[in-house]
Protein backbone atom coordinates (compact mmCIF):
# COMPACT_ATOMS: atom_id res chain seq x y z
CA MET A 1 8.55 -30.43 14.06
CA ALA A 2 7.54 -31.07 17.81
CA CYS A 3 5.22 -31.23 19.93
CA VAL A 4 6.15 -29.25 23.43
CA SER A 5 4.23 -29.89 25.91
CA LEU A 6 5.82 -27.95 29.23
CA LYS A 7 5.57 -27.89 32.87
CA PHE A 8 6.94 -24.84 35.00
CA GLY A 9 7.61 -24.85 38.45
CA LYS A 10 6.52 -22.11 41.14
CA LYS A 11 5.43 -19.73 38.60
CA LYS A 12 3.20 -20.70 35.77
CA PRO A 13 3.07 -17.99 33.20
CA SER A 14 0.08 -17.23 31.33
CA ILE A 15 -0.36 -17.84 27.63
CA ASP A 16 0.08 -14.40 26.61
CA GLU A 17 3.35 -14.14 28.15
CA VAL A 18 4.88 -17.00 26.48
CA LYS A 19 3.83 -15.44 23.19
CA ARG A 20 5.60 -12.07 24.66
CA ILE A 21 8.93 -13.44 25.38
CA TRP A 22 8.82 -15.09 22.77
CA LYS A 23 7.65 -12.11 20.33
CA GLU A 24 10.79 -10.08 22.90
CA PHE A 25 13.51 -12.71 22.83
CA SER A 26 16.80 -11.69 21.32
CA SER A 27 20.28 -13.17 21.55
CA ALA A 28 24.01 -11.89 20.16
CA PRO A 29 23.01 -12.86 16.85
CA GLN A 30 20.37 -10.78 16.76
CA GLU A 31 22.15 -7.86 18.65
CA LEU A 32 25.45 -8.08 16.74
CA LYS A 33 23.11 -8.22 13.29
CA LEU A 34 25.14 -11.43 12.11
CA PRO A 35 24.35 -11.69 8.28
CA PHE A 36 23.38 -15.51 8.49
CA ALA A 37 21.08 -14.78 11.68
CA PRO A 38 17.57 -14.30 11.40
CA GLU A 39 16.21 -11.64 12.45
CA GLN A 40 12.88 -12.89 14.51
CA ALA A 41 14.79 -15.72 16.25
CA ILE A 42 11.52 -16.89 17.30
CA ILE A 43 8.21 -16.74 14.77
CA TYR A 44 4.91 -17.08 17.20
CA LEU A 45 1.58 -17.78 13.77
CA GLU A 46 -1.77 -17.09 15.99
CA GLU A 47 -3.34 -19.51 12.98
CA GLU A 48 -5.13 -22.94 14.24
CA ASN A 49 -3.02 -25.11 11.55
CA ARG A 50 0.36 -23.38 12.04
CA PRO A 51 3.46 -24.07 11.79
CA GLN A 52 3.27 -26.55 8.43
CA ILE A 53 6.14 -28.06 6.95
CA LYS A 54 5.22 -26.46 3.52
CA LEU A 55 4.52 -23.15 4.52
CA ASP A 56 6.79 -22.32 7.73
CA ARG A 57 10.06 -24.35 7.43
CA ASP A 58 11.68 -21.16 5.27
CA ASN A 59 10.55 -18.09 7.46
CA ASP A 60 13.79 -15.84 7.80
CA LYS A 61 15.96 -17.45 5.75
CA GLY A 62 14.56 -20.73 7.15
CA MET A 63 16.35 -19.43 10.21
CA ALA A 64 13.51 -18.77 12.43
CA VAL A 65 11.84 -21.05 14.66
CA THR A 66 8.08 -20.73 14.32
CA VAL A 67 5.72 -21.67 16.84
CA GLY A 68 2.21 -21.98 17.05
CA ARG A 69 -1.23 -23.79 18.71
CA LEU A 70 -0.12 -22.69 22.07
CA ARG A 71 -2.60 -24.01 24.73
CA PRO A 72 -2.87 -24.74 27.63
CA CYS A 73 -2.67 -28.60 28.64
CA ASN A 74 -4.22 -30.91 30.76
CA VAL A 75 -1.43 -32.97 31.97
CA PHE A 76 1.29 -30.49 32.31
CA ASP A 77 0.79 -26.03 31.78
CA ILE A 78 1.22 -25.58 28.41
CA ARG A 79 1.53 -27.20 24.87
CA PHE A 80 2.73 -25.72 21.50
CA VAL A 81 4.54 -27.06 18.17
CA GLY A 82 7.70 -25.85 16.85
CA LEU A 83 9.34 -25.94 13.57
CA SER A 84 12.78 -25.71 12.86
CA HIS A 85 14.48 -26.14 9.03
CA ASN A 86 17.00 -29.08 10.01
CA THR A 87 19.52 -28.42 7.35
CA VAL A 88 19.52 -24.64 7.53
CA ARG A 89 18.88 -24.07 10.91
CA GLY A 90 20.59 -26.71 12.24
CA ALA A 91 23.42 -28.23 10.60
CA ALA A 92 24.89 -26.38 7.98
CA GLY A 93 23.33 -22.45 8.82
CA GLY A 94 23.98 -23.41 12.47
CA GLY A 95 27.73 -24.05 12.01
CA ILE A 96 27.74 -20.57 9.41
CA LEU A 97 26.41 -18.95 12.23
CA ASN A 98 28.18 -20.05 15.14
CA ALA A 99 31.29 -18.87 12.45
CA GLU A 100 30.31 -16.01 12.89
CA LEU A 101 30.06 -15.11 16.25
CA LEU A 102 33.09 -16.45 16.63
CA TYR A 103 34.48 -14.20 14.24
CA LYS A 104 32.57 -11.26 15.44
CA LYS A 105 33.61 -12.27 19.19
CA GLY A 106 37.32 -12.29 18.06
CA TYR A 107 37.90 -15.45 18.41
CA LEU A 108 38.79 -16.17 15.33
CA GLY A 109 41.54 -14.63 12.84
């Protein structure tokens, strides 16, 4: 879990723009429909007390990044809380997903 504060350059996105970008985000694992890829790479939760480790770490097979509590920041531009499963999304799952991607792209025999 991470509490994140961001400062943008000249073009500061609105809160709604950030939510839209997160919702629409897709990359090669989703486009190639890799077996270990989450359907939705970033899941935004509107509840004021989410994400929570016990409730959200296993979202989408433990491979999604769950974010919430997005709000303006008095020091920077925005702040939010992000959560991912350290083992599933990190070490083990990340390795599997990388291998699937390399195979699908033809880098492995």
